[in-house]
Amino acid sequence: MQDMEKQEAQNEQQPAQVDQAAAAAEAVQAAPAEPTLEDKLAAAEARASEMQDAFLRARAEGENIRRRAQEDIAKAHKFAIEGFAESLLAVKDSLEMALKIENPSLESLKEGVDMTLKQLSSAFEKNKLQEVSPQAGEKLDPMKHQAISAVPAEQDANTVVAVLQKGYVISDRLLRPALVTVAQGK
């Protein structure tokens, strides 16, 4: 009888052991296998390769942008006066036509010069080229005027007496100062 009891006890233990073994096997299968060092190295190398490729692409794009910007700057320098030159063509055409007239009268010459001057003034205005022509009595501005001489006058010292030559600015940049005479101190 004891043998039978032992056997029954063993039979009862076997299913429990089988259940434990099955649970352990399931746990091993269900648990993610920890990556090996080789797997980690391969993943790191792949990531490094992707980063290097991205870096090279970004660097090439930066170079392309820099090159395009330099080309644009070179074109801007080369063709900067294109609009201004185009507006002066009408002035040149008018002057050439005036010279072709065989027997011009003084009145027609004066009228032609006046029209040509208007064309030139229009070209200047269109291209932001403005006159600097101070009025008599105006204070000398060394940023826009150049005093050629000082003369005795009945006005305050360092004020404009006469304009000898107009000056010009283009987009707030002085091209040529106005040449003026100024009043001496009393």
N, C-alpha and C. Protein backbone atom coordinates (compact mmCIF):
# COMPACT_ATOMS: atom_id res chain seq x y z
N MET A 1 0.76 -1.15 0.00
CA MET A 1 0.00 0.00 0.00
C MET A 1 0.83 1.26 0.00
N GLN A 2 1.85 1.13 0.65
CA GLN A 2 2.71 2.29 0.65
C GLN A 2 3.21 2.59 -0.73
N ASP A 3 3.43 1.56 -1.48
CA ASP A 3 3.91 1.79 -2.84
C ASP A 3 2.86 2.51 -3.66
N MET A 4 1.66 2.15 -3.43
CA MET A 4 0.60 2.76 -4.19
C MET A 4 0.45 4.24 -3.81
N GLU A 5 0.61 4.48 -2.56
CA GLU A 5 0.50 5.85 -2.11
C GLU A 5 1.64 6.69 -2.69
N LYS A 6 2.83 6.09 -2.73
CA LYS A 6 3.97 6.79 -3.30
C LYS A 6 3.74 7.09 -4.76
N GLN A 7 3.20 6.11 -5.44
CA GLN A 7 2.99 6.27 -6.87
C GLN A 7 1.94 7.33 -7.13
N GLU A 8 0.89 7.34 -6.33
CA GLU A 8 -0.14 8.34 -6.49
C GLU A 8 0.45 9.73 -6.21
N ALA A 9 1.31 9.83 -5.23
CA ALA A 9 1.93 11.10 -4.91
C ALA A 9 2.81 11.56 -6.06
N GLN A 10 3.51 10.61 -6.66
CA GLN A 10 4.37 10.93 -7.80
C GLN A 10 3.52 11.37 -8.99
N ASN A 11 2.44 10.70 -9.21
CA ASN A 11 1.56 11.04 -10.33
C ASN A 11 0.99 12.45 -10.15
N GLU A 12 0.68 12.77 -8.89
CA GLU A 12 0.16 14.09 -8.63
C GLU A 12 1.27 15.15 -8.84
N GLN A 13 2.51 14.83 -8.55
CA GLN A 13 3.61 15.77 -8.68
C GLN A 13 4.00 15.97 -10.15
N GLN A 14 3.88 14.93 -10.94
CA GLN A 14 4.29 15.02 -12.34
C GLN A 14 3.49 16.08 -13.10
N PRO A 15 2.16 16.12 -13.01
CA PRO A 15 1.44 17.16 -13.73
C PRO A 15 1.85 18.55 -13.24
N ALA A 16 2.14 18.68 -11.97
CA ALA A 16 2.55 19.98 -11.45
C ALA A 16 3.90 20.36 -12.04
N GLN A 17 4.81 19.41 -12.17
CA GLN A 17 6.12 19.67 -12.75
C GLN A 17 5.99 19.98 -14.24
N VAL A 18 5.11 19.26 -14.91
CA VAL A 18 4.88 19.50 -16.34
C VAL A 18 4.33 20.91 -16.52
N ASP A 19 3.39 21.28 -15.65
CA ASP A 19 2.81 22.62 -15.74
C ASP A 19 3.88 23.69 -15.50
N GLN A 20 4.77 23.45 -14.52
CA GLN A 20 5.83 24.41 -14.23
C GLN A 20 6.80 24.52 -15.41
N ALA A 21 7.14 23.42 -16.02
CA ALA A 21 8.06 23.41 -17.15
C ALA A 21 7.43 24.15 -18.34
N ALA A 22 6.15 23.91 -18.58
CA ALA A 22 5.45 24.56 -19.68
C ALA A 22 5.39 26.08 -19.45
N ALA A 23 5.13 26.47 -18.21
CA ALA A 23 5.07 27.89 -17.88
C ALA A 23 6.43 28.54 -18.06
N ALA A 24 7.48 27.83 -17.69
CA ALA A 24 8.84 28.37 -17.85
C ALA A 24 9.16 28.51 -19.33
N ALA A 25 8.77 27.54 -20.15
CA ALA A 25 9.02 27.59 -21.59
C ALA A 25 8.27 28.75 -22.21
N GLU A 26 7.02 28.93 -21.78
CA GLU A 26 6.23 30.05 -22.30
C GLU A 26 6.87 31.38 -21.91
N ALA A 27 7.36 31.49 -20.69
CA ALA A 27 7.98 32.72 -20.22
C ALA A 27 9.23 33.04 -21.03
N VAL A 28 10.01 32.03 -21.37
CA VAL A 28 11.22 32.22 -22.16
C VAL A 28 10.84 32.70 -23.55
N GLN A 29 9.78 32.09 -24.13
CA GLN A 29 9.35 32.49 -25.47
C GLN A 29 8.71 33.88 -25.45
N ALA A 30 7.94 34.19 -24.44
CA ALA A 30 7.23 35.46 -24.38
C ALA A 30 8.18 36.60 -24.06
N ALA A 31 9.18 36.36 -23.23
CA ALA A 31 10.13 37.42 -22.87
C ALA A 31 11.00 37.74 -24.08
N PRO A 32 11.16 39.03 -24.38
CA PRO A 32 12.00 39.38 -25.54
C PRO A 32 13.44 38.97 -25.25
N ALA A 33 14.01 38.43 -26.28
CA ALA A 33 15.40 38.01 -26.13
C ALA A 33 16.25 39.27 -26.08
N GLU A 34 17.12 39.41 -25.16
CA GLU A 34 17.98 40.58 -25.03
C GLU A 34 18.94 40.58 -26.21
N PRO A 35 19.06 41.74 -26.88
CA PRO A 35 19.94 41.76 -28.05
C PRO A 35 21.39 41.47 -27.65
N THR A 36 22.02 40.82 -28.54
CA THR A 36 23.42 40.48 -28.29
C THR A 36 24.27 41.69 -28.61
N LEU A 37 25.52 41.63 -28.24
CA LEU A 37 26.46 42.71 -28.51
C LEU A 37 26.60 42.93 -30.00
N GLU A 38 26.59 41.87 -30.78
CA GLU A 38 26.71 41.98 -32.24
C GLU A 38 25.50 42.73 -32.82
N ASP A 39 24.30 42.41 -32.27
CA ASP A 39 23.09 43.09 -32.75
C ASP A 39 23.15 44.59 -32.45
N LYS A 40 23.62 44.90 -31.24
CA LYS A 40 23.74 46.31 -30.84
C LYS A 40 24.76 47.02 -31.72
N LEU A 41 25.88 46.38 -32.01
CA LEU A 41 26.92 46.97 -32.86
C LEU A 41 26.39 47.21 -34.27
N ALA A 42 25.69 46.23 -34.81
CA ALA A 42 25.13 46.37 -36.17
C ALA A 42 24.13 47.53 -36.22
N ALA A 43 23.30 47.64 -35.18
CA ALA A 43 22.32 48.74 -35.14
C ALA A 43 23.04 50.08 -35.03
N ALA A 44 24.08 50.16 -34.21
CA ALA A 44 24.83 51.40 -34.06
C ALA A 44 25.54 51.78 -35.35
N GLU A 45 26.10 50.80 -36.06
CA GLU A 45 26.76 51.07 -37.33
C GLU A 45 25.77 51.56 -38.38
N ALA A 46 24.58 50.95 -38.40
CA ALA A 46 23.55 51.38 -39.35
C ALA A 46 23.12 52.82 -39.05
N ARG A 47 22.96 53.14 -37.77
CA ARG A 47 22.56 54.50 -37.38
C ARG A 47 23.66 55.50 -37.73
N ALA A 48 24.92 55.12 -37.49
CA ALA A 48 26.05 56.00 -37.84
C ALA A 48 26.11 56.23 -39.34
N SER A 49 25.83 55.20 -40.11
CA SER A 49 25.83 55.33 -41.57
C SER A 49 24.73 56.28 -42.03
N GLU A 50 23.54 56.17 -41.41
CA GLU A 50 22.43 57.07 -41.74
C GLU A 50 22.80 58.52 -41.40
N MET A 51 23.41 58.71 -40.24
CA MET A 51 23.79 60.05 -39.82
C MET A 51 24.86 60.64 -40.74
N GLN A 52 25.81 59.83 -41.15
CA GLN A 52 26.85 60.31 -42.05
C GLN A 52 26.25 60.70 -43.39
N ASP A 53 25.31 59.89 -43.88
CA ASP A 53 24.65 60.20 -45.14
C ASP A 53 23.86 61.51 -45.02
N ALA A 54 23.14 61.67 -43.92
CA ALA A 54 22.37 62.91 -43.71
C ALA A 54 23.31 64.11 -43.61
N PHE A 55 24.43 63.95 -42.93
CA PHE A 55 25.41 65.03 -42.81
C PHE A 55 25.96 65.42 -44.17
N LEU A 56 26.32 64.43 -44.98
CA LEU A 56 26.88 64.71 -46.30
C LEU A 56 25.85 65.41 -47.19
N ARG A 57 24.61 64.99 -47.09
CA ARG A 57 23.56 65.65 -47.88
C ARG A 57 23.36 67.10 -47.44
N ALA A 58 23.34 67.33 -46.13
CA ALA A 58 23.17 68.69 -45.61
C ALA A 58 24.36 69.56 -46.01
N ARG A 59 25.54 69.01 -45.96
CA ARG A 59 26.73 69.77 -46.34
C ARG A 59 26.69 70.13 -47.82
N ALA A 60 26.30 69.17 -48.66
CA ALA A 60 26.20 69.43 -50.10
C ALA A 60 25.13 70.49 -50.37
N GLU A 61 24.02 70.43 -49.65
CA GLU A 61 22.95 71.42 -49.83
C GLU A 61 23.44 72.81 -49.42
N GLY A 62 24.20 72.87 -48.32
CA GLY A 62 24.78 74.14 -47.88
C GLY A 62 25.72 74.72 -48.93
N GLU A 63 26.54 73.87 -49.51
CA GLU A 63 27.46 74.31 -50.57
C GLU A 63 26.69 74.82 -51.78
N ASN A 64 25.62 74.12 -52.14
CA ASN A 64 24.80 74.55 -53.29
C ASN A 64 24.16 75.91 -53.02
N ILE A 65 23.67 76.11 -51.81
CA ILE A 65 23.06 77.39 -51.46
C ILE A 65 24.10 78.50 -51.52
N ARG A 66 25.29 78.24 -50.97
CA ARG A 66 26.37 79.24 -50.98
C ARG A 66 26.77 79.58 -52.42
N ARG A 67 26.90 78.56 -53.27
CA ARG A 67 27.29 78.77 -54.67
C ARG A 67 26.22 79.59 -55.41
N ARG A 68 24.94 79.24 -55.19
CA ARG A 68 23.86 79.98 -55.84
C ARG A 68 23.84 81.44 -55.38
N ALA A 69 24.08 81.66 -54.11
CA ALA A 69 24.10 83.04 -53.58
C ALA A 69 25.25 83.83 -54.21
N GLN A 70 26.41 83.20 -54.36
CA GLN A 70 27.53 83.89 -54.99
C GLN A 70 27.22 84.21 -56.45
N GLU A 71 26.57 83.29 -57.15
CA GLU A 71 26.20 83.55 -58.54
C GLU A 71 25.20 84.71 -58.62
N ASP A 72 24.23 84.73 -57.69
CA ASP A 72 23.25 85.82 -57.68
C ASP A 72 23.93 87.16 -57.41
N ILE A 73 24.88 87.18 -56.50
CA ILE A 73 25.60 88.42 -56.20
C ILE A 73 26.40 88.86 -57.41
N ALA A 74 27.06 87.92 -58.08
CA ALA A 74 27.86 88.27 -59.27
C ALA A 74 26.95 88.84 -60.36
N LYS A 75 25.77 88.24 -60.55
CA LYS A 75 24.83 88.75 -61.55
C LYS A 75 24.32 90.14 -61.15
N ALA A 76 24.05 90.33 -59.87
CA ALA A 76 23.57 91.64 -59.40
C ALA A 76 24.62 92.72 -59.66
N HIS A 77 25.89 92.40 -59.40
CA HIS A 77 26.96 93.37 -59.67
C HIS A 77 27.07 93.64 -61.17
N LYS A 78 26.99 92.58 -61.95
CA LYS A 78 27.19 92.70 -63.40
C LYS A 78 26.07 93.50 -64.05
N PHE A 79 24.84 93.28 -63.60
CA PHE A 79 23.69 93.92 -64.24
C PHE A 79 23.03 94.99 -63.38
N ALA A 80 23.76 95.52 -62.40
CA ALA A 80 23.18 96.50 -61.49
C ALA A 80 22.72 97.76 -62.19
N ILE A 81 23.42 98.21 -63.19
CA ILE A 81 23.06 99.46 -63.86
C ILE A 81 22.21 99.24 -65.11
N GLU A 82 21.76 98.02 -65.31
CA GLU A 82 20.98 97.71 -66.52
C GLU A 82 19.75 98.61 -66.64
N GLY A 83 18.98 98.75 -65.57
CA GLY A 83 17.77 99.59 -65.61
C GLY A 83 18.11 101.04 -65.88
N PHE A 84 19.17 101.53 -65.25
CA PHE A 84 19.58 102.92 -65.44
C PHE A 84 20.04 103.14 -66.88
N ALA A 85 20.84 102.22 -67.39
CA ALA A 85 21.33 102.34 -68.77
C ALA A 85 20.17 102.30 -69.75
N GLU A 86 19.20 101.46 -69.48
CA GLU A 86 18.03 101.35 -70.36
C GLU A 86 17.26 102.67 -70.41
N SER A 87 17.13 103.35 -69.26
CA SER A 87 16.39 104.61 -69.24
C SER A 87 17.18 105.74 -69.91
N LEU A 88 18.50 105.59 -70.03
CA LEU A 88 19.31 106.62 -70.70
C LEU A 88 19.31 106.46 -72.22
N LEU A 89 18.88 105.33 -72.72
CA LEU A 89 18.87 105.11 -74.17
C LEU A 89 17.99 106.14 -74.90
N ALA A 90 16.85 106.48 -74.31
CA ALA A 90 15.96 107.47 -74.93
C ALA A 90 16.65 108.83 -75.01
N VAL A 91 17.45 109.16 -74.01
CA VAL A 91 18.17 110.44 -74.01
C VAL A 91 19.18 110.44 -75.16
N LYS A 92 19.92 109.37 -75.30
CA LYS A 92 20.91 109.27 -76.38
C LYS A 92 20.22 109.35 -77.75
N ASP A 93 19.10 108.65 -77.89
CA ASP A 93 18.36 108.69 -79.17
C ASP A 93 17.93 110.12 -79.51
N SER A 94 17.45 110.85 -78.52
CA SER A 94 17.02 112.24 -78.75
C SER A 94 18.18 113.11 -79.17
N LEU A 95 19.32 112.94 -78.54
CA LEU A 95 20.49 113.75 -78.89
C LEU A 95 20.97 113.42 -80.31
N GLU A 96 20.95 112.15 -80.67
CA GLU A 96 21.37 111.76 -82.02
C GLU A 96 20.41 112.33 -83.07
N MET A 97 19.10 112.31 -82.78
CA MET A 97 18.13 112.86 -83.71
C MET A 97 18.34 114.37 -83.88
N ALA A 98 18.68 115.05 -82.80
CA ALA A 98 18.92 116.50 -82.87
C ALA A 98 20.11 116.80 -83.77
N LEU A 99 21.12 115.96 -83.73
CA LEU A 99 22.30 116.19 -84.57
C LEU A 99 22.04 115.91 -86.04
N LYS A 100 21.02 115.14 -86.35
CA LYS A 100 20.71 114.80 -87.75
C LYS A 100 19.96 115.93 -88.47
N ILE A 101 19.41 116.85 -87.71
CA ILE A 101 18.67 117.95 -88.33
C ILE A 101 19.66 118.86 -89.05
N GLU A 102 19.39 119.14 -90.35
CA GLU A 102 20.35 119.89 -91.17
C GLU A 102 20.39 121.37 -90.85
N ASN A 103 19.27 122.01 -90.80
CA ASN A 103 19.23 123.44 -90.54
C ASN A 103 18.32 123.72 -89.33
N PRO A 104 18.80 123.42 -88.14
CA PRO A 104 17.92 123.64 -86.97
C PRO A 104 17.83 125.12 -86.63
N SER A 105 16.66 125.51 -86.21
CA SER A 105 16.50 126.89 -85.74
C SER A 105 16.86 126.91 -84.25
N LEU A 106 17.15 128.08 -83.80
CA LEU A 106 17.50 128.23 -82.38
C LEU A 106 16.33 127.77 -81.50
N GLU A 107 15.13 128.09 -81.92
CA GLU A 107 13.94 127.71 -81.16
C GLU A 107 13.78 126.20 -81.11
N SER A 108 13.97 125.50 -82.24
CA SER A 108 13.82 124.04 -82.26
C SER A 108 14.92 123.37 -81.45
N LEU A 109 16.14 123.93 -81.48
CA LEU A 109 17.24 123.37 -80.67
C LEU A 109 16.91 123.51 -79.18
N LYS A 110 16.42 124.69 -78.82
CA LYS A 110 16.08 124.92 -77.41
C LYS A 110 14.97 123.97 -76.98
N GLU A 111 13.97 123.79 -77.79
CA GLU A 111 12.87 122.90 -77.48
C GLU A 111 13.36 121.45 -77.37
N GLY A 112 14.24 121.03 -78.27
CA GLY A 112 14.79 119.67 -78.24
C GLY A 112 15.65 119.43 -77.00
N VAL A 113 16.47 120.42 -76.65
CA VAL A 113 17.30 120.29 -75.44
C VAL A 113 16.42 120.21 -74.20
N ASP A 114 15.36 121.02 -74.16
CA ASP A 114 14.44 120.99 -73.03
C ASP A 114 13.77 119.61 -72.90
N MET A 115 13.33 119.04 -74.00
CA MET A 115 12.70 117.72 -73.98
C MET A 115 13.70 116.64 -73.56
N THR A 116 14.93 116.77 -74.04
CA THR A 116 15.96 115.80 -73.68
C THR A 116 16.30 115.90 -72.20
N LEU A 117 16.34 117.11 -71.68
CA LEU A 117 16.59 117.30 -70.25
C LEU A 117 15.47 116.68 -69.42
N LYS A 118 14.23 116.80 -69.88
CA LYS A 118 13.10 116.17 -69.17
C LYS A 118 13.23 114.65 -69.19
N GLN A 119 13.67 114.08 -70.32
CA GLN A 119 13.89 112.63 -70.39
C GLN A 119 14.98 112.21 -69.40
N LEU A 120 16.06 112.99 -69.35
CA LEU A 120 17.15 112.68 -68.44
C LEU A 120 16.71 112.80 -66.99
N SER A 121 15.96 113.85 -66.67
CA SER A 121 15.45 114.01 -65.31
C SER A 121 14.52 112.87 -64.93
N SER A 122 13.71 112.42 -65.87
CA SER A 122 12.82 111.29 -65.63
C SER A 122 13.63 110.01 -65.37
N ALA A 123 14.70 109.81 -66.13
CA ALA A 123 15.57 108.63 -65.92
C ALA A 123 16.23 108.70 -64.55
N PHE A 124 16.65 109.89 -64.14
CA PHE A 124 17.26 110.06 -62.82
C PHE A 124 16.24 109.73 -61.73
N GLU A 125 15.04 110.29 -61.87
CA GLU A 125 14.00 110.07 -60.86
C GLU A 125 13.63 108.59 -60.76
N LYS A 126 13.51 107.95 -61.90
CA LYS A 126 13.16 106.53 -61.94
C LYS A 126 14.20 105.67 -61.23
N ASN A 127 15.45 106.09 -61.28
CA ASN A 127 16.54 105.31 -60.70
C ASN A 127 17.04 105.89 -59.37
N LYS A 128 16.21 106.73 -58.74
CA LYS A 128 16.49 107.29 -57.42
C LYS A 128 17.78 108.10 -57.35
N LEU A 129 18.08 108.79 -58.43
CA LEU A 129 19.22 109.70 -58.48
C LEU A 129 18.65 111.10 -58.31
N GLN A 130 18.98 111.74 -57.17
CA GLN A 130 18.37 113.02 -56.85
C GLN A 130 19.44 114.11 -56.76
N GLU A 131 19.01 115.32 -57.12
CA GLU A 131 19.91 116.48 -57.08
C GLU A 131 20.10 116.96 -55.65
N VAL A 132 21.29 117.48 -55.39
CA VAL A 132 21.57 118.19 -54.15
C VAL A 132 21.88 119.61 -54.59
N SER A 133 20.92 120.49 -54.41
CA SER A 133 21.07 121.87 -54.84
C SER A 133 20.60 122.77 -53.70
N PRO A 134 21.51 123.13 -52.80
CA PRO A 134 21.11 123.95 -51.65
C PRO A 134 20.71 125.36 -52.07
N GLN A 135 19.87 125.97 -51.27
CA GLN A 135 19.42 127.34 -51.53
C GLN A 135 20.36 128.33 -50.83
N ALA A 136 20.42 129.52 -51.35
CA ALA A 136 21.23 130.57 -50.72
C ALA A 136 20.72 130.79 -49.30
N GLY A 137 21.64 130.89 -48.36
CA GLY A 137 21.28 131.09 -46.97
C GLY A 137 21.16 129.79 -46.18
N GLU A 138 21.15 128.67 -46.87
CA GLU A 138 21.05 127.37 -46.19
C GLU A 138 22.37 127.07 -45.49
N LYS A 139 22.30 126.43 -44.35
CA LYS A 139 23.49 126.06 -43.57
C LYS A 139 24.30 125.03 -44.35
N LEU A 140 25.62 125.18 -44.33
CA LEU A 140 26.52 124.23 -45.01
C LEU A 140 26.41 122.86 -44.36
N ASP A 141 26.15 121.84 -45.17
CA ASP A 141 26.09 120.46 -44.70
C ASP A 141 27.29 119.72 -45.28
N PRO A 142 28.33 119.47 -44.49
CA PRO A 142 29.54 118.84 -45.03
C PRO A 142 29.30 117.42 -45.57
N MET A 143 28.15 116.84 -45.23
CA MET A 143 27.84 115.51 -45.75
C MET A 143 27.29 115.57 -47.18
N LYS A 144 26.83 116.76 -47.60
CA LYS A 144 26.25 116.91 -48.94
C LYS A 144 26.88 118.04 -49.75
N HIS A 145 27.56 118.95 -49.08
CA HIS A 145 28.11 120.13 -49.75
C HIS A 145 29.62 120.18 -49.58
N GLN A 146 30.28 120.76 -50.58
CA GLN A 146 31.73 120.99 -50.48
C GLN A 146 31.95 122.47 -50.72
N ALA A 147 32.49 123.13 -49.70
CA ALA A 147 32.75 124.57 -49.80
C ALA A 147 34.03 124.79 -50.59
N ILE A 148 33.93 125.54 -51.66
CA ILE A 148 35.08 125.83 -52.52
C ILE A 148 35.79 127.09 -52.02
N SER A 149 34.99 128.05 -51.59
CA SER A 149 35.60 129.29 -51.08
C SER A 149 34.65 129.96 -50.10
N ALA A 150 35.22 130.88 -49.34
CA ALA A 150 34.42 131.67 -48.41
C ALA A 150 34.48 133.11 -48.89
N VAL A 151 33.34 133.73 -48.99
CA VAL A 151 33.26 135.10 -49.49
C VAL A 151 32.55 135.98 -48.46
N PRO A 152 32.91 137.25 -48.45
CA PRO A 152 32.17 138.15 -47.54
C PRO A 152 30.73 138.27 -48.02
N ALA A 153 29.79 138.18 -47.08
CA ALA A 153 28.38 138.26 -47.45
C ALA A 153 27.58 138.78 -46.26
N GLU A 154 26.39 139.25 -46.54
CA GLU A 154 25.50 139.80 -45.52
C GLU A 154 24.59 138.70 -44.96
N GLN A 155 25.17 137.56 -44.62
CA GLN A 155 24.39 136.47 -44.03
C GLN A 155 25.27 135.75 -43.01
N ASP A 156 24.70 134.81 -42.31
CA ASP A 156 25.44 134.10 -41.26
C ASP A 156 26.63 133.37 -41.84
N ALA A 157 27.66 133.19 -41.00
CA ALA A 157 28.86 132.45 -41.43
C ALA A 157 28.50 130.99 -41.70
N ASN A 158 29.22 130.40 -42.64
CA ASN A 158 29.04 129.00 -43.04
C ASN A 158 27.65 128.70 -43.59
N THR A 159 27.08 129.68 -44.26
CA THR A 159 25.83 129.43 -45.00
C THR A 159 26.13 129.58 -46.48
N VAL A 160 25.34 128.93 -47.30
CA VAL A 160 25.56 128.90 -48.74
C VAL A 160 25.25 130.27 -49.33
N VAL A 161 26.22 130.76 -50.12
CA VAL A 161 26.02 132.01 -50.84
C VAL A 161 25.59 131.70 -52.27
N ALA A 162 26.32 130.76 -52.93
CA ALA A 162 26.01 130.39 -54.31
C ALA A 162 26.36 128.93 -54.54
N VAL A 163 25.62 128.31 -55.46
CA VAL A 163 25.89 126.93 -55.84
C VAL A 163 26.64 126.97 -57.17
N LEU A 164 27.85 126.43 -57.18
CA LEU A 164 28.66 126.41 -58.39
C LEU A 164 28.35 125.17 -59.24
N GLN A 165 28.05 124.08 -58.57
CA GLN A 165 27.73 122.83 -59.28
C GLN A 165 26.82 121.99 -58.38
N LYS A 166 25.75 121.46 -58.97
CA LYS A 166 24.82 120.64 -58.20
C LYS A 166 25.51 119.32 -57.80
N GLY A 167 25.07 118.79 -56.68
CA GLY A 167 25.53 117.47 -56.25
C GLY A 167 24.44 116.44 -56.50
N TYR A 168 24.76 115.18 -56.29
CA TYR A 168 23.78 114.11 -56.52
C TYR A 168 23.92 113.02 -55.46
N VAL A 169 22.75 112.49 -55.07
CA VAL A 169 22.70 111.32 -54.19
C VAL A 169 21.91 110.24 -54.90
N ILE A 170 22.29 109.01 -54.66
CA ILE A 170 21.54 107.88 -55.21
C ILE A 170 21.17 106.98 -54.04
N SER A 171 19.87 106.88 -53.81
CA SER A 171 19.34 106.09 -52.69
C SER A 171 20.04 106.42 -51.39
N ASP A 172 20.07 107.67 -51.03
CA ASP A 172 20.66 108.18 -49.79
C ASP A 172 22.18 108.03 -49.71
N ARG A 173 22.82 107.74 -50.81
CA ARG A 173 24.29 107.66 -50.83
C ARG A 173 24.81 108.80 -51.71
N LEU A 174 25.74 109.57 -51.16
CA LEU A 174 26.27 110.72 -51.89
C LEU A 174 27.12 110.26 -53.06
N LEU A 175 26.75 110.71 -54.26
CA LEU A 175 27.52 110.42 -55.46
C LEU A 175 28.55 111.52 -55.69
N ARG A 176 28.06 112.77 -55.57
CA ARG A 176 28.93 113.93 -55.76
C ARG A 176 28.37 115.05 -54.90
N PRO A 177 29.24 115.70 -54.10
CA PRO A 177 28.73 116.80 -53.28
C PRO A 177 28.47 118.04 -54.14
N ALA A 178 27.57 118.88 -53.67
CA ALA A 178 27.32 120.14 -54.34
C ALA A 178 28.48 121.08 -54.03
N LEU A 179 29.01 121.72 -55.07
CA LEU A 179 30.11 122.68 -54.88
C LEU A 179 29.50 124.05 -54.61
N VAL A 180 29.86 124.64 -53.48
CA VAL A 180 29.25 125.90 -53.07
C VAL A 180 30.30 126.89 -52.57
N THR A 181 29.90 128.15 -52.58
CA THR A 181 30.68 129.17 -51.88
C THR A 181 29.89 129.49 -50.61
N VAL A 182 30.60 129.78 -49.54
CA VAL A 182 29.94 130.04 -48.27
C VAL A 182 30.28 131.44 -47.77
N ALA A 183 29.48 131.90 -46.85
CA ALA A 183 29.69 133.23 -46.28
C ALA A 183 30.78 133.15 -45.22
N GLN A 184 31.66 134.17 -45.24
CA GLN A 184 32.71 134.27 -44.23
C GLN A 184 32.09 134.76 -42.94
N GLY A 185 32.81 134.51 -41.87
CA GLY A 185 32.35 135.04 -40.58
C GLY A 185 32.49 136.55 -40.58
N LYS A 186 31.62 137.26 -39.92
CA LYS A 186 31.61 138.73 -39.91
C LYS A 186 32.71 139.28 -39.06
